[in-house]
Amino acid sequence: MAKYSFELKLEAVLDYLNGKESIRAVARRFNVSKTPLETWIAQYRENGENGLISSYTNYDIHFKMDVLNYMSELGASFKQAAAVYNISSPSTILQWQRQVEESGVDALFPKKKGRPSMKKETKKSLPVEGSMEALQAENERLRMENAYLKKLQALIQEKEKSPNKKRQK
């Protein structure tokens, strides 16, 4: 839920625009800071009542670049650009600008969120019986089987010797 309701924003903006009170007086009366009130006023002037409706939006890279180009060409501030393009928070544009400065334009591409999907492993094609690969695979399997049996035999022998030594103590 938004911190301030649409009705509160609209009433505060209209009170200021009707010339009843100064920005500070309106901000004090509605118990808000002066900065968001200025943002609401700019949004209302550019986009009307729709500018005061806050909604989550996922912006594509072309839109982000348009906003940044608008700011650089006209020398507009973050608040002005946010008002013109109906972006609810000017700090969003600041984040985009910092990302471009640090990592380039590729940083503006949307990133996948959440856990990666568990893809099923593709089964390796089994070598044809009698081929060189099949013989090598069988040879390796037999070597591993022999090594396993040798270790198993060694463990059994060690276990048989071990109880005799404990009795002598």
Protein backbone atom coordinates (compact mmCIF):
# COMPACT_ATOMS: atom_id res chain seq x y z
CA MET A 1 0.00 0.00 0.00
CA ALA A 2 1.18 3.53 -0.81
CA LYS A 3 2.36 5.74 1.99
CA TYR A 4 0.00 8.54 0.96
CA SER A 5 -3.44 8.02 -0.53
CA PHE A 6 -4.46 9.41 -3.89
CA GLU A 7 -7.10 11.60 -2.23
CA LEU A 8 -4.58 13.17 0.14
CA LYS A 9 -2.17 13.91 -2.70
CA LEU A 10 -4.90 15.43 -4.85
CA GLU A 11 -6.26 17.59 -2.04
CA ALA A 12 -2.79 18.88 -1.11
CA VAL A 13 -1.90 19.68 -4.73
CA LEU A 14 -5.21 21.45 -5.40
CA ASP A 15 -4.89 23.49 -2.21
CA TYR A 16 -1.49 24.71 -3.32
CA LEU A 17 -2.46 25.34 -6.95
CA ASN A 18 -5.58 27.29 -5.92
CA GLY A 19 -3.27 29.69 -4.12
CA LYS A 20 -4.77 29.13 -0.69
CA GLU A 21 -1.45 28.48 1.00
CA SER A 22 2.29 28.21 0.35
CA ILE A 23 4.02 24.86 -0.21
CA ARG A 24 5.36 24.86 3.36
CA ALA A 25 1.96 25.61 4.85
CA VAL A 26 0.25 22.88 2.80
CA ALA A 27 3.01 20.42 3.67
CA ARG A 28 2.64 21.18 7.38
CA ARG A 29 -1.15 20.91 7.27
CA PHE A 30 -1.08 17.52 5.55
CA ASN A 31 1.89 16.35 7.63
CA VAL A 32 4.13 15.62 4.64
CA SER A 33 7.59 16.75 3.67
CA LYS A 34 8.01 19.59 1.19
CA THR A 35 9.93 17.40 -1.31
CA PRO A 36 7.17 14.87 -2.08
CA LEU A 37 4.64 17.67 -2.28
CA GLU A 38 6.77 19.39 -4.94
CA THR A 39 6.98 16.09 -6.83
CA TRP A 40 3.19 15.64 -6.66
CA ILE A 41 2.65 19.17 -7.96
CA ALA A 42 5.01 18.60 -10.90
CA GLN A 43 3.35 15.25 -11.66
CA TYR A 44 -0.10 16.84 -11.55
CA ARG A 45 0.92 19.71 -13.85
CA GLU A 46 2.34 17.29 -16.46
CA ASN A 47 -0.12 14.39 -16.28
CA GLY A 48 -3.19 15.56 -14.39
CA GLU A 49 -4.77 13.27 -11.82
CA ASN A 50 -3.16 10.21 -13.46
CA GLY A 51 0.22 11.55 -12.38
CA LEU A 52 -0.73 11.13 -8.73
CA ILE A 53 -1.69 7.47 -9.05
CA SER A 54 1.25 5.37 -7.97
CA SER A 55 1.72 2.03 -9.62
CA TYR A 56 4.54 -0.43 -10.08
CA THR A 57 5.86 -0.40 -13.60
CA ASN A 58 8.59 -2.38 -15.27
CA TYR A 59 10.30 -0.05 -17.72
CA ASP A 60 12.02 -1.37 -20.83
CA ILE A 61 15.51 -0.29 -21.87
CA HIS A 62 14.30 1.98 -24.67
CA PHE A 63 12.10 3.94 -22.27
CA LYS A 64 14.97 4.28 -19.79
CA MET A 65 17.30 5.55 -22.52
CA ASP A 66 14.64 8.03 -23.72
CA VAL A 67 14.40 9.46 -20.20
CA LEU A 68 18.18 9.72 -19.81
CA ASN A 69 18.58 11.28 -23.26
CA TYR A 70 15.80 13.79 -22.48
CA MET A 71 17.65 14.82 -19.33
CA SER A 72 21.02 15.19 -21.05
CA GLU A 73 19.68 17.06 -24.10
CA LEU A 74 17.50 19.54 -22.23
CA GLY A 75 19.42 19.65 -18.97
CA ALA A 76 16.28 18.64 -17.10
CA SER A 77 16.41 17.64 -13.45
CA PHE A 78 15.36 14.28 -12.11
CA LYS A 79 12.08 15.75 -10.86
CA GLN A 80 11.29 17.34 -14.22
CA ALA A 81 12.03 14.16 -16.14
CA ALA A 82 9.97 12.10 -13.70
CA ALA A 83 7.06 14.49 -14.14
CA VAL A 84 7.25 14.46 -17.95
CA TYR A 85 7.51 10.67 -18.22
CA ASN A 86 5.10 9.98 -15.30
CA ILE A 87 7.65 8.12 -13.18
CA SER A 88 6.52 8.04 -9.57
CA SER A 89 9.96 8.47 -8.01
CA PRO A 90 12.78 10.65 -9.37
CA SER A 91 15.28 8.46 -7.53
CA THR A 92 14.49 5.71 -10.05
CA ILE A 93 16.03 7.84 -12.79
CA LEU A 94 19.05 8.52 -10.60
CA GLN A 95 19.56 4.75 -10.25
CA TRP A 96 19.41 4.32 -14.03
CA GLN A 97 21.95 7.10 -14.53
CA ARG A 98 24.36 5.58 -12.00
CA GLN A 99 24.00 2.14 -13.59
CA VAL A 100 24.89 3.56 -17.01
CA GLU A 101 27.88 5.45 -15.62
CA GLU A 102 29.22 2.41 -13.76
CA SER A 103 28.46 -0.48 -16.12
CA GLY A 104 27.31 0.97 -19.42
CA VAL A 105 24.00 0.70 -21.22
CA ASP A 106 23.83 -3.08 -20.75
CA ALA A 107 23.16 -2.53 -17.04
CA LEU A 108 19.70 -1.18 -17.92
CA PHE A 109 18.48 -4.53 -19.27
CA PRO A 110 16.02 -6.17 -16.90
CA LYS A 111 17.52 -8.87 -14.73
CA LYS A 112 15.86 -12.19 -14.09
CA LYS A 113 14.67 -12.53 -10.54
CA GLY A 114 14.13 -15.58 -8.42
CA ARG A 115 15.75 -18.95 -8.43
CA PRO A 116 17.04 -20.42 -11.66
CA SER A 117 14.97 -23.19 -13.15
CA MET A 118 16.18 -26.75 -12.74
CA LYS A 119 16.76 -27.94 -16.25
CA LYS A 120 16.73 -31.65 -16.90
CA GLU A 121 20.09 -33.03 -17.87
CA THR A 122 20.29 -34.29 -21.40
CA LYS A 123 21.15 -37.96 -21.56
CA LYS A 124 24.46 -38.67 -23.17
CA SER A 125 24.19 -40.90 -26.17
CA LEU A 126 25.51 -44.35 -25.37
CA PRO A 127 28.36 -45.54 -27.53
CA VAL A 128 27.60 -48.27 -30.05
CA GLU A 129 28.51 -51.73 -28.77
CA GLY A 130 31.89 -52.86 -30.10
CA SER A 131 33.09 -49.36 -30.89
CA MET A 132 36.30 -47.98 -29.40
CA GLU A 133 34.40 -45.66 -27.03
CA ALA A 134 32.23 -48.51 -25.75
CA LEU A 135 35.29 -50.66 -25.08
CA GLN A 136 37.06 -47.82 -23.26
CA ALA A 137 33.96 -47.15 -21.13
CA GLU A 138 33.66 -50.85 -20.23
CA ASN A 139 37.36 -51.00 -19.39
CA GLU A 140 37.04 -47.99 -17.07
CA ARG A 141 33.96 -49.48 -15.38
CA LEU A 142 35.80 -52.77 -14.76
CA ARG A 143 38.80 -50.93 -13.30
CA MET A 144 36.54 -49.06 -10.89
CA GLU A 145 34.80 -52.32 -9.92
CA ASN A 146 38.17 -53.99 -9.21
CA ALA A 147 39.34 -51.06 -7.11
CA TYR A 148 36.10 -51.14 -5.11
CA LEU A 149 36.40 -54.89 -4.46
CA LYS A 150 40.03 -54.54 -3.34
CA LYS A 151 39.11 -51.83 -0.82
CA LEU A 152 36.18 -53.87 0.41
CA GLN A 153 38.41 -56.92 0.91
CA ALA A 154 40.98 -54.80 2.80
CA LEU A 155 38.29 -53.45 5.13
CA ILE A 156 36.98 -56.93 5.86
CA GLN A 157 40.47 -58.21 6.70
CA GLU A 158 41.15 -55.23 8.95
CA LYS A 159 37.88 -55.79 10.79
CA GLU A 160 38.74 -59.47 11.40
CA LYS A 161 42.15 -58.60 12.85
CA SER A 162 40.91 -55.73 15.00
CA PRO A 163 38.85 -57.67 17.66
CA ASN A 164 41.81 -59.95 18.46
CA LYS A 165 44.02 -57.03 19.38
CA LYS A 166 41.40 -55.54 21.70
CA ARG A 167 41.11 -58.80 23.72
CA GLN A 168 44.82 -58.89 24.42
CA LYS A 169 44.74 -55.61 26.32
